[in-house]
Amino acid sequence: MKTATVYTETVVYAAPEQFVADAPYQLAIVVHEDASRATVRIAGDRVSIGDRVTFTEDRNGIPFYSKA
């Protein structure tokens, strides 16, 4: 299971056209255990900086993580 720590996060209210139906949604930059970073969508409960998250699924090339 891929785990990471939230480095920073934001909530998108004014989404690009292809994601308007999903707004508002949370994006986060996460740091994996190997120190790599990724921009991901957050599924479920809102996360804060420093929270641990786990990979949930990939939807059309977009990685989704949720609070661990």
PDB file of N, CA and C in Angstrom:
ATOM      1  N   MET A   1       0.849  -1.178   0.000  1.00  0.00           N
ATOM      2  CA  MET A   1       0.000   0.000   0.000  1.00  0.00           C
ATOM      3  C   MET A   1       0.895   1.243   0.000  1.00  0.00           C
ATOM      4  N   LYS A   2       0.633   2.162  -0.897  1.00  0.00           N
ATOM      5  CA  LYS A   2       1.426   3.376  -1.026  1.00  0.00           C
ATOM      6  C   LYS A   2       0.937   4.417  -0.024  1.00  0.00           C
ATOM      7  N   THR A   3       1.824   4.846   0.866  1.00  0.00           N
ATOM      8  CA  THR A   3       1.465   5.865   1.851  1.00  0.00           C
ATOM      9  C   THR A   3       2.311   7.106   1.628  1.00  0.00           C
ATOM     10  N   ALA A   4       1.823   8.221   2.134  1.00  0.00           N
ATOM     11  CA  ALA A   4       2.514   9.489   1.962  1.00  0.00           C
ATOM     12  C   ALA A   4       2.072  10.447   3.063  1.00  0.00           C
ATOM     13  N   THR A   5       2.741  11.593   3.128  1.00  0.00           N
ATOM     14  CA  THR A   5       2.406  12.651   4.077  1.00  0.00           C
ATOM     15  C   THR A   5       2.024  13.895   3.284  1.00  0.00           C
ATOM     16  N   VAL A   6       0.975  14.579   3.727  1.00  0.00           N
ATOM     17  CA  VAL A   6       0.522  15.790   3.036  1.00  0.00           C
ATOM     18  C   VAL A   6       1.526  16.915   3.280  1.00  0.00           C
ATOM     19  N   TYR A   7       2.080  17.449   2.190  1.00  0.00           N
ATOM     20  CA  TYR A   7       3.023  18.557   2.237  1.00  0.00           C
ATOM     21  C   TYR A   7       2.266  19.888   2.222  1.00  0.00           C
ATOM     22  N   THR A   8       1.262  19.976   1.359  1.00  0.00           N
ATOM     23  CA  THR A   8       0.393  21.153   1.278  1.00  0.00           C
ATOM     24  C   THR A   8      -0.927  20.728   0.650  1.00  0.00           C
ATOM     25  N   GLU A   9      -1.964  21.538   0.839  1.00  0.00           N
ATOM     26  CA  GLU A   9      -3.287  21.186   0.307  1.00  0.00           C
ATOM     27  C   GLU A   9      -4.077  22.437  -0.012  1.00  0.00           C
ATOM     28  N   THR A  10      -5.085  22.267  -0.852  1.00  0.00           N
ATOM     29  CA  THR A  10      -5.991  23.359  -1.187  1.00  0.00           C
ATOM     30  C   THR A  10      -7.327  22.767  -1.628  1.00  0.00           C
ATOM     31  N   VAL A  11      -8.370  23.574  -1.569  1.00  0.00           N
ATOM     32  CA  VAL A  11      -9.681  23.168  -2.069  1.00  0.00           C
ATOM     33  C   VAL A  11      -9.969  23.989  -3.322  1.00  0.00           C
ATOM     34  N   VAL A  12     -10.339  23.303  -4.394  1.00  0.00           N
ATOM     35  CA  VAL A  12     -10.630  23.944  -5.673  1.00  0.00           C
ATOM     36  C   VAL A  12     -12.134  24.192  -5.759  1.00  0.00           C
ATOM     37  N   TYR A  13     -12.497  25.461  -5.877  1.00  0.00           N
ATOM     38  CA  TYR A  13     -13.903  25.849  -6.024  1.00  0.00           C
ATOM     39  C   TYR A  13     -14.223  26.222  -7.470  1.00  0.00           C
ATOM     40  N   ALA A  14     -13.275  26.857  -8.161  1.00  0.00           N
ATOM     41  CA  ALA A  14     -13.444  27.243  -9.562  1.00  0.00           C
ATOM     42  C   ALA A  14     -12.610  26.285 -10.406  1.00  0.00           C
ATOM     43  N   ALA A  15     -13.210  25.168 -10.773  1.00  0.00           N
ATOM     44  CA  ALA A  15     -12.499  24.086 -11.446  1.00  0.00           C
ATOM     45  C   ALA A  15     -12.437  24.297 -12.961  1.00  0.00           C
ATOM     46  N   PRO A  16     -11.435  23.677 -13.616  1.00  0.00           N
ATOM     47  CA  PRO A  16     -11.407  23.671 -15.076  1.00  0.00           C
ATOM     48  C   PRO A  16     -12.656  22.965 -15.604  1.00  0.00           C
ATOM     49  N   GLU A  17     -12.992  23.243 -16.838  1.00  0.00           N
ATOM     50  CA  GLU A  17     -14.239  22.752 -17.434  1.00  0.00           C
ATOM     51  C   GLU A  17     -14.463  21.254 -17.236  1.00  0.00           C
ATOM     52  N   GLN A  18     -13.432  20.431 -17.418  1.00  0.00           N
ATOM     53  CA  GLN A  18     -13.611  18.981 -17.318  1.00  0.00           C
ATOM     54  C   GLN A  18     -13.873  18.495 -15.888  1.00  0.00           C
ATOM     55  N   PHE A  19     -13.641  19.363 -14.874  1.00  0.00           N
ATOM     56  CA  PHE A  19     -13.842  18.967 -13.476  1.00  0.00           C
ATOM     57  C   PHE A  19     -14.906  19.797 -12.755  1.00  0.00           C
ATOM     58  N   VAL A  20     -15.665  20.604 -13.479  1.00  0.00           N
ATOM     59  CA  VAL A  20     -16.672  21.474 -12.867  1.00  0.00           C
ATOM     60  C   VAL A  20     -17.672  20.669 -12.037  1.00  0.00           C
ATOM     61  N   ALA A  21     -18.072  19.513 -12.519  1.00  0.00           N
ATOM     62  CA  ALA A  21     -19.053  18.698 -11.796  1.00  0.00           C
ATOM     63  C   ALA A  21     -18.511  18.176 -10.470  1.00  0.00           C
ATOM     64  N   ASP A  22     -17.183  18.112 -10.317  1.00  0.00           N
ATOM     65  CA  ASP A  22     -16.559  17.603  -9.085  1.00  0.00           C
ATOM     66  C   ASP A  22     -16.367  18.691  -8.027  1.00  0.00           C
ATOM     67  N   ALA A  23     -16.413  19.955  -8.422  1.00  0.00           N
ATOM     68  CA  ALA A  23     -16.098  21.058  -7.500  1.00  0.00           C
ATOM     69  C   ALA A  23     -17.152  21.189  -6.417  1.00  0.00           C
ATOM     70  N   PRO A  24     -16.766  21.536  -5.202  1.00  0.00           N
ATOM     71  CA  PRO A  24     -15.388  21.732  -4.759  1.00  0.00           C
ATOM     72  C   PRO A  24     -14.714  20.389  -4.452  1.00  0.00           C
ATOM     73  N   TYR A  25     -13.398  20.341  -4.684  1.00  0.00           N
ATOM     74  CA  TYR A  25     -12.632  19.139  -4.374  1.00  0.00           C
ATOM     75  C   TYR A  25     -11.266  19.544  -3.840  1.00  0.00           C
ATOM     76  N   GLN A  26     -10.639  18.622  -3.129  1.00  0.00           N
ATOM     77  CA  GLN A  26      -9.359  18.916  -2.488  1.00  0.00           C
ATOM     78  C   GLN A  26      -8.210  18.309  -3.282  1.00  0.00           C
ATOM     79  N   LEU A  27      -7.175  19.117  -3.483  1.00  0.00           N
ATOM     80  CA  LEU A  27      -5.916  18.678  -4.066  1.00  0.00           C
ATOM     81  C   LEU A  27      -4.845  18.757  -2.993  1.00  0.00           C
ATOM     82  N   ALA A  28      -3.850  17.897  -3.112  1.00  0.00           N
ATOM     83  CA  ALA A  28      -2.735  17.947  -2.168  1.00  0.00           C
ATOM     84  C   ALA A  28      -1.448  17.578  -2.883  1.00  0.00           C
ATOM     85  N   ILE A  29      -0.352  18.119  -2.416  1.00  0.00           N
ATOM     86  CA  ILE A  29       0.962  17.636  -2.796  1.00  0.00           C
ATOM     87  C   ILE A  29       1.397  16.752  -1.637  1.00  0.00           C
ATOM     88  N   VAL A  30       1.755  15.513  -1.966  1.00  0.00           N
ATOM     89  CA  VAL A  30       2.143  14.559  -0.933  1.00  0.00           C
ATOM     90  C   VAL A  30       3.595  14.152  -1.133  1.00  0.00           C
ATOM     91  N   VAL A  31       4.232  13.776  -0.020  1.00  0.00           N
ATOM     92  CA  VAL A  31       5.612  13.296  -0.043  1.00  0.00           C
ATOM     93  C   VAL A  31       5.579  11.820   0.325  1.00  0.00           C
ATOM     94  N   HIS A  32       6.086  10.987  -0.589  1.00  0.00           N
ATOM     95  CA  HIS A  32       6.141   9.548  -0.344  1.00  0.00           C
ATOM     96  C   HIS A  32       7.339   9.196   0.532  1.00  0.00           C
ATOM     97  N   GLU A  33       7.384   7.965   0.982  1.00  0.00           N
ATOM     98  CA  GLU A  33       8.465   7.521   1.856  1.00  0.00           C
ATOM     99  C   GLU A  33       9.833   7.607   1.194  1.00  0.00           C
ATOM    100  N   ASP A  34       9.883   7.532  -0.157  1.00  0.00           N
ATOM    101  CA  ASP A  34      11.155   7.643  -0.875  1.00  0.00           C
ATOM    102  C   ASP A  34      11.517   9.096  -1.191  1.00  0.00           C
ATOM    103  N   ALA A  35      10.776  10.053  -0.611  1.00  0.00           N
ATOM    104  CA  ALA A  35      10.971  11.504  -0.755  1.00  0.00           C
ATOM    105  C   ALA A  35      10.449  12.061  -2.080  1.00  0.00           C
ATOM    106  N   SER A  36       9.846  11.230  -2.927  1.00  0.00           N
ATOM    107  CA  SER A  36       9.249  11.753  -4.155  1.00  0.00           C
ATOM    108  C   SER A  36       7.944  12.463  -3.803  1.00  0.00           C
ATOM    109  N   ARG A  37       7.564  13.393  -4.655  1.00  0.00           N
ATOM    110  CA  ARG A  37       6.330  14.154  -4.428  1.00  0.00           C
ATOM    111  C   ARG A  37       5.370  13.947  -5.584  1.00  0.00           C
ATOM    112  N   ALA A  38       4.080  14.095  -5.294  1.00  0.00           N
ATOM    113  CA  ALA A  38       3.057  13.971  -6.323  1.00  0.00           C
ATOM    114  C   ALA A  38       1.880  14.874  -5.968  1.00  0.00           C
ATOM    115  N   THR A  39       1.227  15.382  -7.000  1.00  0.00           N
ATOM    116  CA  THR A  39      -0.016  16.128  -6.811  1.00  0.00           C
ATOM    117  C   THR A  39      -1.148  15.129  -6.969  1.00  0.00           C
ATOM    118  N   VAL A  40      -2.039  15.085  -5.973  1.00  0.00           N
ATOM    119  CA  VAL A  40      -3.092  14.063  -5.945  1.00  0.00           C
ATOM    120  C   VAL A  40      -4.426  14.689  -5.569  1.00  0.00           C
ATOM    121  N   ARG A  41      -5.500  13.975  -5.883  1.00  0.00           N
ATOM    122  CA  ARG A  41      -6.829  14.357  -5.399  1.00  0.00           C
ATOM    123  C   ARG A  41      -7.075  13.619  -4.096  1.00  0.00           C
ATOM    124  N   ILE A  42      -7.827  14.248  -3.206  1.00  0.00           N
ATOM    125  CA  ILE A  42      -8.165  13.641  -1.926  1.00  0.00           C
ATOM    126  C   ILE A  42      -9.609  13.165  -1.987  1.00  0.00           C
ATOM    127  N   ALA A  43      -9.815  11.897  -1.645  1.00  0.00           N
ATOM    128  CA  ALA A  43     -11.153  11.312  -1.592  1.00  0.00           C
ATOM    129  C   ALA A  43     -11.568  11.205  -0.128  1.00  0.00           C
ATOM    130  N   GLY A  44     -12.822  11.482   0.137  1.00  0.00           N
ATOM    131  CA  GLY A  44     -13.316  11.340   1.508  1.00  0.00           C
ATOM    132  C   GLY A  44     -13.027  12.554   2.363  1.00  0.00           C
ATOM    133  N   ASP A  45     -12.700  12.307   3.638  1.00  0.00           N
ATOM    134  CA  ASP A  45     -12.488  13.382   4.600  1.00  0.00           C
ATOM    135  C   ASP A  45     -11.359  14.313   4.184  1.00  0.00           C
ATOM    136  N   ARG A  46     -11.530  15.587   4.493  1.00  0.00           N
ATOM    137  CA  ARG A  46     -10.513  16.587   4.194  1.00  0.00           C
ATOM    138  C   ARG A  46      -9.246  16.299   5.002  1.00  0.00           C
ATOM    139  N   VAL A  47      -8.091  16.570   4.391  1.00  0.00           N
ATOM    140  CA  VAL A  47      -6.812  16.358   5.056  1.00  0.00           C
ATOM    141  C   VAL A  47      -6.156  17.700   5.348  1.00  0.00           C
ATOM    142  N   SER A  48      -5.184  17.667   6.248  1.00  0.00           N
ATOM    143  CA  SER A  48      -4.414  18.853   6.620  1.00  0.00           C
ATOM    144  C   SER A  48      -2.935  18.555   6.421  1.00  0.00           C
ATOM    145  N   ILE A  49      -2.132  19.602   6.398  1.00  0.00           N
ATOM    146  CA  ILE A  49      -0.679  19.443   6.287  1.00  0.00           C
ATOM    147  C   ILE A  49      -0.192  18.541   7.420  1.00  0.00           C
ATOM    148  N   GLY A  50       0.640  17.561   7.062  1.00  0.00           N
ATOM    149  CA  GLY A  50       1.187  16.625   8.038  1.00  0.00           C
ATOM    150  C   GLY A  50       0.403  15.341   8.196  1.00  0.00           C
ATOM    151  N   ASP A  51      -0.838  15.291   7.666  1.00  0.00           N
ATOM    152  CA  ASP A  51      -1.635  14.067   7.760  1.00  0.00           C
ATOM    153  C   ASP A  51      -1.036  12.958   6.909  1.00  0.00           C
ATOM    154  N   ARG A  52      -1.202  11.726   7.350  1.00  0.00           N
ATOM    155  CA  ARG A  52      -0.808  10.557   6.573  1.00  0.00           C
ATOM    156  C   ARG A  52      -1.970  10.177   5.664  1.00  0.00           C
ATOM    157  N   VAL A  53      -1.654   9.838   4.417  1.00  0.00           N
ATOM    158  CA  VAL A  53      -2.663   9.436   3.440  1.00  0.00           C
ATOM    159  C   VAL A  53      -2.203   8.158   2.744  1.00  0.00           C
ATOM    160  N   THR A  54      -3.158   7.425   2.191  1.00  0.00           N
ATOM    161  CA  THR A  54      -2.856   6.207   1.454  1.00  0.00           C
ATOM    162  C   THR A  54      -3.500   6.257   0.080  1.00  0.00           C
ATOM    163  N   PHE A  55      -2.835   5.631  -0.875  1.00  0.00           N
ATOM    164  CA  PHE A  55      -3.353   5.550  -2.235  1.00  0.00           C
ATOM    165  C   PHE A  55      -4.652   4.757  -2.225  1.00  0.00           C
ATOM    166  N   THR A  56      -5.677   5.304  -2.893  1.00  0.00           N
ATOM    167  CA  THR A  56      -6.986   4.655  -2.949  1.00  0.00           C
ATOM    168  C   THR A  56      -7.244   4.056  -4.323  1.00  0.00           C
ATOM    169  N   GLU A  57      -7.088   4.879  -5.363  1.00  0.00           N
ATOM    170  CA  GLU A  57      -7.346   4.417  -6.730  1.00  0.00           C
ATOM    171  C   GLU A  57      -6.814   5.418  -7.737  1.00  0.00           C
ATOM    172  N   ASP A  58      -6.767   4.994  -8.978  1.00  0.00           N
ATOM    173  CA  ASP A  58      -6.382   5.844 -10.092  1.00  0.00           C
ATOM    174  C   ASP A  58      -7.609   5.997 -10.977  1.00  0.00           C
ATOM    175  N   ARG A  59      -8.045   7.235 -11.200  1.00  0.00           N
ATOM    176  CA  ARG A  59      -9.198   7.501 -12.068  1.00  0.00           C
ATOM    177  C   ARG A  59      -8.721   8.301 -13.269  1.00  0.00           C
ATOM    178  N   ASN A  60      -8.673   7.642 -14.411  1.00  0.00           N
ATOM    179  CA  ASN A  60      -8.262   8.304 -15.662  1.00  0.00           C
ATOM    180  C   ASN A  60      -6.924   9.014 -15.520  1.00  0.00           C
ATOM    181  N   GLY A  61      -5.969   8.357 -14.871  1.00  0.00           N
ATOM    182  CA  GLY A  61      -4.626   8.924 -14.719  1.00  0.00           C
ATOM    183  C   GLY A  61      -4.475   9.864 -13.555  1.00  0.00           C
ATOM    184  N   ILE A  62      -5.519  10.071 -12.760  1.00  0.00           N
ATOM    185  CA  ILE A  62      -5.445  10.961 -11.606  1.00  0.00           C
ATOM    186  C   ILE A  62      -5.393  10.091 -10.351  1.00  0.00           C
ATOM    187  N   PRO A  63      -4.297  10.189  -9.573  1.00  0.00           N
ATOM    188  CA  PRO A  63      -4.214   9.394  -8.343  1.00  0.00           C
ATOM    189  C   PRO A  63      -5.090   9.998  -7.244  1.00  0.00           C
ATOM    190  N   PHE A  64      -5.845   9.142  -6.580  1.00  0.00           N
ATOM    191  CA  PHE A  64      -6.679   9.543  -5.453  1.00  0.00           C
ATOM    192  C   PHE A  64      -6.113   8.926  -4.183  1.00  0.00           C
ATOM    193  N   TYR A  65      -6.006   9.734  -3.146  1.00  0.00           N
ATOM    194  CA  TYR A  65      -5.542   9.287  -1.844  1.00  0.00           C
ATOM    195  C   TYR A  65      -6.619   9.628  -0.829  1.00  0.00           C
ATOM    196  N   SER A  66      -6.605   8.922   0.298  1.00  0.00           N
ATOM    197  CA  SER A  66      -7.536   9.230   1.380  1.00  0.00           C
ATOM    198  C   SER A  66      -6.782   9.199   2.695  1.00  0.00           C
ATOM    199  N   LYS A  67      -7.389   9.827   3.708  1.00  0.00           N
ATOM    200  CA  LYS A  67      -6.776   9.914   5.029  1.00  0.00           C
ATOM    201  C   LYS A  67      -6.515   8.516   5.579  1.00  0.00           C
ATOM    202  N   ALA A  68      -5.316   8.314   6.093  1.00  0.00           N
ATOM    203  CA  ALA A  68      -4.932   6.979   6.622  1.00  0.00           C
ATOM    204  C   ALA A  68      -5.580   6.741   7.970  1.00  0.00           C
TER     205      ALA A  68
END
